[in-house]
Amino acid sequence: MSSWMDMLVNPKNNHIKKAMFQVLKERYAENENIIERIGASLVTDGDSKAFFKLVADLYEMGYLKSVNDHREQLVKLGFIATVVPENKSNIE
């Protein structure tokens, strides 16, 4: 666990840890050491923003891969699968 001095020196680290906990949930504990080390390296606001952009990009790419994999499986079964934003859905 980080000391109080570490928290005072780099308060952004707490923000990063909290955000990672919200994403990882029960998997946070097994990743806590690397998250703390990464957080200690992200000193500026730009560093933090770039890190969260990286996390968002990774999350989005994983989601898109999952959608495409499911679409391919549906096509193999003879279905047509189109993914659209909820507000543009044809379902009424």
Protein backbone atom coordinates (compact mmCIF):
# COMPACT_ATOMS: atom_id res chain seq x y z
CA MET A 1 0.00 0.00 0.00
CA SER A 2 1.29 3.50 -0.78
CA SER A 3 2.35 5.77 2.01
CA TRP A 4 0.65 9.09 2.79
CA MET A 5 3.68 10.89 1.38
CA ASP A 6 3.26 9.11 -1.96
CA MET A 7 -0.38 10.23 -2.07
CA LEU A 8 0.58 13.82 -1.38
CA VAL A 9 3.39 13.84 -3.95
CA ASN A 10 1.29 12.35 -6.76
CA PRO A 11 -2.46 12.76 -6.09
CA LYS A 12 -3.21 11.71 -9.69
CA ASN A 13 -2.16 8.21 -8.72
CA ASN A 14 -5.26 7.89 -6.51
CA HIS A 15 -7.48 9.00 -9.38
CA ILE A 16 -5.90 6.40 -11.66
CA LYS A 17 -6.24 3.66 -9.04
CA LYS A 18 -9.91 4.51 -8.47
CA ALA A 19 -10.67 4.52 -12.19
CA MET A 20 -8.87 1.21 -12.71
CA PHE A 21 -10.77 -0.30 -9.78
CA GLN A 22 -14.07 0.74 -11.39
CA VAL A 23 -13.07 -0.96 -14.65
CA LEU A 24 -11.34 -4.06 -13.29
CA LYS A 25 -13.56 -4.71 -10.25
CA GLU A 26 -12.61 -8.13 -8.79
CA ARG A 27 -9.49 -8.28 -10.99
CA TYR A 28 -8.07 -5.07 -9.50
CA ALA A 29 -6.16 -6.78 -6.67
CA GLU A 30 -4.11 -8.96 -9.00
CA ASN A 31 -3.13 -5.87 -11.01
CA GLU A 32 -2.67 -3.41 -8.14
CA ASN A 33 1.15 -3.44 -8.15
CA ILE A 34 1.47 -2.56 -11.82
CA ILE A 35 -1.29 0.04 -11.55
CA GLU A 36 0.58 1.73 -8.69
CA ARG A 37 3.82 1.70 -10.67
CA ILE A 38 2.13 3.10 -13.77
CA GLY A 39 0.37 5.75 -11.67
CA ALA A 40 3.67 6.85 -10.16
CA SER A 41 4.98 7.45 -13.69
CA LEU A 42 2.03 9.58 -14.80
CA VAL A 43 2.99 12.92 -13.33
CA THR A 44 1.33 15.53 -15.56
CA ASP A 45 -2.29 16.02 -16.57
CA GLY A 46 -1.23 15.19 -20.13
CA ASP A 47 0.22 11.88 -18.95
CA SER A 48 -3.04 10.98 -17.20
CA LYS A 49 -5.17 11.97 -20.18
CA ALA A 50 -2.97 9.96 -22.55
CA PHE A 51 -3.16 6.94 -20.24
CA PHE A 52 -6.95 7.08 -20.01
CA LYS A 53 -7.18 7.50 -23.79
CA LEU A 54 -5.08 4.34 -24.11
CA VAL A 55 -7.37 2.47 -21.70
CA ALA A 56 -10.47 3.70 -23.57
CA ASP A 57 -8.96 2.70 -26.92
CA LEU A 58 -8.13 -0.78 -25.61
CA TYR A 59 -11.64 -1.17 -24.18
CA GLU A 60 -13.24 0.01 -27.42
CA MET A 61 -11.09 -2.27 -29.58
CA GLY A 62 -12.00 -5.26 -27.40
CA TYR A 63 -15.66 -4.38 -27.68
CA LEU A 64 -15.49 -3.97 -31.46
CA LYS A 65 -13.65 -7.29 -31.81
CA SER A 66 -16.36 -8.98 -29.78
CA VAL A 67 -19.11 -7.41 -31.92
CA ASN A 68 -17.37 -8.45 -35.14
CA ASP A 69 -16.75 -11.99 -33.88
CA HIS A 70 -20.44 -12.35 -32.97
CA ARG A 71 -21.50 -10.88 -36.31
CA GLU A 72 -19.32 -13.41 -38.17
CA GLN A 73 -20.88 -16.28 -36.21
CA LEU A 74 -24.40 -15.03 -37.01
CA VAL A 75 -23.54 -14.68 -40.71
CA LYS A 76 -22.27 -18.29 -40.72
CA LEU A 77 -25.69 -19.30 -39.39
CA GLY A 78 -27.42 -17.39 -42.20
CA PHE A 79 -28.44 -14.28 -40.27
CA ILE A 80 -27.78 -10.70 -41.26
CA ALA A 81 -26.36 -8.73 -38.36
CA THR A 82 -26.18 -4.95 -38.33
CA VAL A 83 -25.03 -3.03 -35.29
CA VAL A 84 -26.30 0.54 -35.03
CA PRO A 85 -26.41 3.09 -32.22
CA GLU A 86 -29.52 2.73 -30.08
CA ASN A 87 -30.97 6.09 -31.17
CA LYS A 88 -30.80 5.02 -34.83
CA SER A 89 -32.31 1.60 -34.33
CA ASN A 90 -35.12 0.49 -36.63
CA ILE A 91 -36.82 -1.26 -33.74
CA GLU A 92 -39.95 0.57 -32.57
